[in-house]
C-alpha cells in the first residue's frame, strides 16, 4: 500500500541524532595503519584513561579524519545514548 511504501522510503534515509554537547566527550586518536576494521573493539581500551565510567557503560563512536591521521571519537554514557535512541524511536 502507499503508506507502507512511504514509510519504507523514509526508513531508508540515514538518521542523525544530535546529543547535547555536555553529554559527549570528543577526543582524537591515531589509529595504527589498517586498524580501521578493528577500531570499534580497540577504541575503549585506547581511551579508557579518559573516561570516568566503566568501559561497558560507555559508548564510543568513531568519526571522520581530522588531521595528521587523527580520527575524531565521541564518547558518551551508554544509558544516555540508549535514552536518546528510545526518544527518537517513539517519535518515529
C-alpha atoms as a PDB file:
ATOM      1  CA  UNK A   1       0.000   0.000   0.000  1.00  0.00           C
ATOM      2  CA  UNK A   2       1.023   3.623  -0.474  1.00  0.00           C
ATOM      3  CA  UNK A   3       1.556   4.471   3.256  1.00  0.00           C
ATOM      4  CA  UNK A   4       3.792   1.399   3.649  1.00  0.00           C
ATOM      5  CA  UNK A   5       5.896   2.457   0.655  1.00  0.00           C
ATOM      6  CA  UNK A   6       6.257   5.970   2.062  1.00  0.00           C
ATOM      7  CA  UNK A   7       7.263   4.598   5.470  1.00  0.00           C
ATOM      8  CA  UNK A   8       9.866   2.299   3.869  1.00  0.00           C
ATOM      9  CA  UNK A   9      11.273   5.211   1.872  1.00  0.00           C
ATOM     10  CA  UNK A  10      11.632   7.344   4.994  1.00  0.00           C
ATOM     11  CA  UNK A  11      13.254   4.491   6.936  1.00  0.00           C
ATOM     12  CA  UNK A  12      15.848   4.114   4.160  1.00  0.00           C
ATOM     13  CA  UNK A  13      17.117   7.653   4.790  1.00  0.00           C
ATOM     14  CA  UNK A  14      20.078   7.780   7.223  1.00  0.00           C
ATOM     15  CA  UNK A  15      19.124   9.339  10.540  1.00  0.00           C
ATOM     16  CA  UNK A  16      21.444  11.524  12.591  1.00  0.00           C
ATOM     17  CA  UNK A  17      20.719  12.031  16.266  1.00  0.00           C
ATOM     18  CA  UNK A  18      22.057  15.128  17.961  1.00  0.00           C
ATOM     19  CA  UNK A  19      23.131  14.701  21.564  1.00  0.00           C
ATOM     20  CA  UNK A  20      23.721  17.715  23.852  1.00  0.00           C
ATOM     21  CA  UNK A  21      27.391  18.651  23.985  1.00  0.00           C
ATOM     22  CA  UNK A  22      27.540  18.379  27.767  1.00  0.00           C
ATOM     23  CA  UNK A  23      26.769  14.641  27.381  1.00  0.00           C
ATOM     24  CA  UNK A  24      29.636  13.922  24.978  1.00  0.00           C
ATOM     25  CA  UNK A  25      33.417  13.963  25.279  1.00  0.00           C
ATOM     26  CA  UNK A  26      35.284  14.429  21.992  1.00  0.00           C
ATOM     27  CA  UNK A  27      38.788  13.073  21.631  1.00  0.00           C
ATOM     28  CA  UNK A  28      41.091  12.481  18.711  1.00  0.00           C
ATOM     29  CA  UNK A  29      43.079   9.280  18.326  1.00  0.00           C
ATOM     30  CA  UNK A  30      45.711   7.992  15.962  1.00  0.00           C
ATOM     31  CA  UNK A  31      44.748   4.582  14.661  1.00  0.00           C
ATOM     32  CA  UNK A  32      47.537   2.294  13.513  1.00  0.00           C
ATOM     33  CA  UNK A  33      47.538   1.676   9.733  1.00  0.00           C
ATOM     34  CA  UNK A  34      44.998  -0.982   8.837  1.00  0.00           C
ATOM     35  CA  UNK A  35      43.281  -0.771  12.226  1.00  0.00           C
ATOM     36  CA  UNK A  36      40.069   0.752  10.871  1.00  0.00           C
ATOM     37  CA  UNK A  37      38.240  -2.584  10.865  1.00  0.00           C
ATOM     38  CA  UNK A  38      39.207  -3.302  14.477  1.00  0.00           C
ATOM     39  CA  UNK A  39      38.691   0.267  15.703  1.00  0.00           C
ATOM     40  CA  UNK A  40      35.351  -0.436  17.374  1.00  0.00           C
ATOM     41  CA  UNK A  41      36.949  -3.136  19.503  1.00  0.00           C
ATOM     42  CA  UNK A  42      40.139  -1.245  20.344  1.00  0.00           C
ATOM     43  CA  UNK A  43      38.806   2.295  20.953  1.00  0.00           C
ATOM     44  CA  UNK A  44      37.574   1.665  24.505  1.00  0.00           C
ATOM     45  CA  UNK A  45      40.988   0.417  25.563  1.00  0.00           C
ATOM     46  CA  UNK A  46      42.820   3.229  23.790  1.00  0.00           C
ATOM     47  CA  UNK A  47      40.705   5.804  25.642  1.00  0.00           C
ATOM     48  CA  UNK A  48      39.983   4.123  28.994  1.00  0.00           C
ATOM     49  CA  UNK A  49      42.148   6.626  30.885  1.00  0.00           C
ATOM     50  CA  UNK A  50      39.980   9.467  29.515  1.00  0.00           C
ATOM     51  CA  UNK A  51      36.638   8.179  30.791  1.00  0.00           C
ATOM     52  CA  UNK A  52      35.395   8.128  34.376  1.00  0.00           C
ATOM     53  CA  UNK A  53      32.896   5.299  33.896  1.00  0.00           C
ATOM     54  CA  UNK A  54      33.314   1.586  33.311  1.00  0.00           C
ATOM     55  CA  UNK A  55      34.020   0.765  29.669  1.00  0.00           C
ATOM     56  CA  UNK A  56      30.931  -1.452  29.434  1.00  0.00           C
ATOM     57  CA  UNK A  57      28.825   1.572  30.472  1.00  0.00           C
ATOM     58  CA  UNK A  58      30.382   3.830  27.826  1.00  0.00           C
ATOM     59  CA  UNK A  59      29.506   4.331  24.141  1.00  0.00           C
ATOM     60  CA  UNK A  60      32.318   5.120  21.669  1.00  0.00           C
ATOM     61  CA  UNK A  61      31.597   6.390  18.150  1.00  0.00           C
ATOM     62  CA  UNK A  62      34.398   6.669  15.608  1.00  0.00           C
ATOM     63  CA  UNK A  63      34.125   9.763  13.447  1.00  0.00           C
ATOM     64  CA  UNK A  64      35.946  11.116  10.461  1.00  0.00           C
ATOM     65  CA  UNK A  65      39.543  12.104   9.982  1.00  0.00           C
ATOM     66  CA  UNK A  66      40.540  15.447  11.481  1.00  0.00           C
ATOM     67  CA  UNK A  67      44.220  15.923  10.619  1.00  0.00           C
ATOM     68  CA  UNK A  68      47.590  14.161  10.576  1.00  0.00           C
ATOM     69  CA  UNK A  69      45.975  10.715  10.579  1.00  0.00           C
ATOM     70  CA  UNK A  70      43.898  11.522  13.661  1.00  0.00           C
ATOM     71  CA  UNK A  71      40.280  10.355  13.920  1.00  0.00           C
ATOM     72  CA  UNK A  72      37.588  12.001  15.990  1.00  0.00           C
ATOM     73  CA  UNK A  73      35.890   9.870  18.648  1.00  0.00           C
ATOM     74  CA  UNK A  74      32.699  10.767  20.506  1.00  0.00           C
ATOM     75  CA  UNK A  75      32.354   9.252  23.980  1.00  0.00           C
ATOM     76  CA  UNK A  76      29.090   9.199  25.942  1.00  0.00           C
ATOM     77  CA  UNK A  77      27.354   7.253  28.675  1.00  0.00           C
ATOM     78  CA  UNK A  78      25.678   4.183  27.172  1.00  0.00           C
ATOM     79  CA  UNK A  79      22.489   4.832  29.197  1.00  0.00           C
ATOM     80  CA  UNK A  80      22.262   8.372  27.798  1.00  0.00           C
ATOM     81  CA  UNK A  81      22.668   7.111  24.242  1.00  0.00           C
ATOM     82  CA  UNK A  82      20.009   4.441  24.797  1.00  0.00           C
ATOM     83  CA  UNK A  83      17.645   7.151  26.082  1.00  0.00           C
ATOM     84  CA  UNK A  84      18.280   9.349  23.016  1.00  0.00           C
ATOM     85  CA  UNK A  85      17.648   6.421  20.641  1.00  0.00           C
ATOM     86  CA  UNK A  86      14.478   5.428  22.544  1.00  0.00           C
ATOM     87  CA  UNK A  87      13.199   9.004  22.301  1.00  0.00           C
ATOM     88  CA  UNK A  88      13.850   9.027  18.554  1.00  0.00           C
ATOM     89  CA  UNK A  89      12.120   5.657  18.170  1.00  0.00           C
ATOM     90  CA  UNK A  90       8.990   6.919  19.903  1.00  0.00           C
ATOM     91  CA  UNK A  91       8.985  10.000  17.687  1.00  0.00           C
ATOM     92  CA  UNK A  92       9.019   7.761  14.625  1.00  0.00           C
END
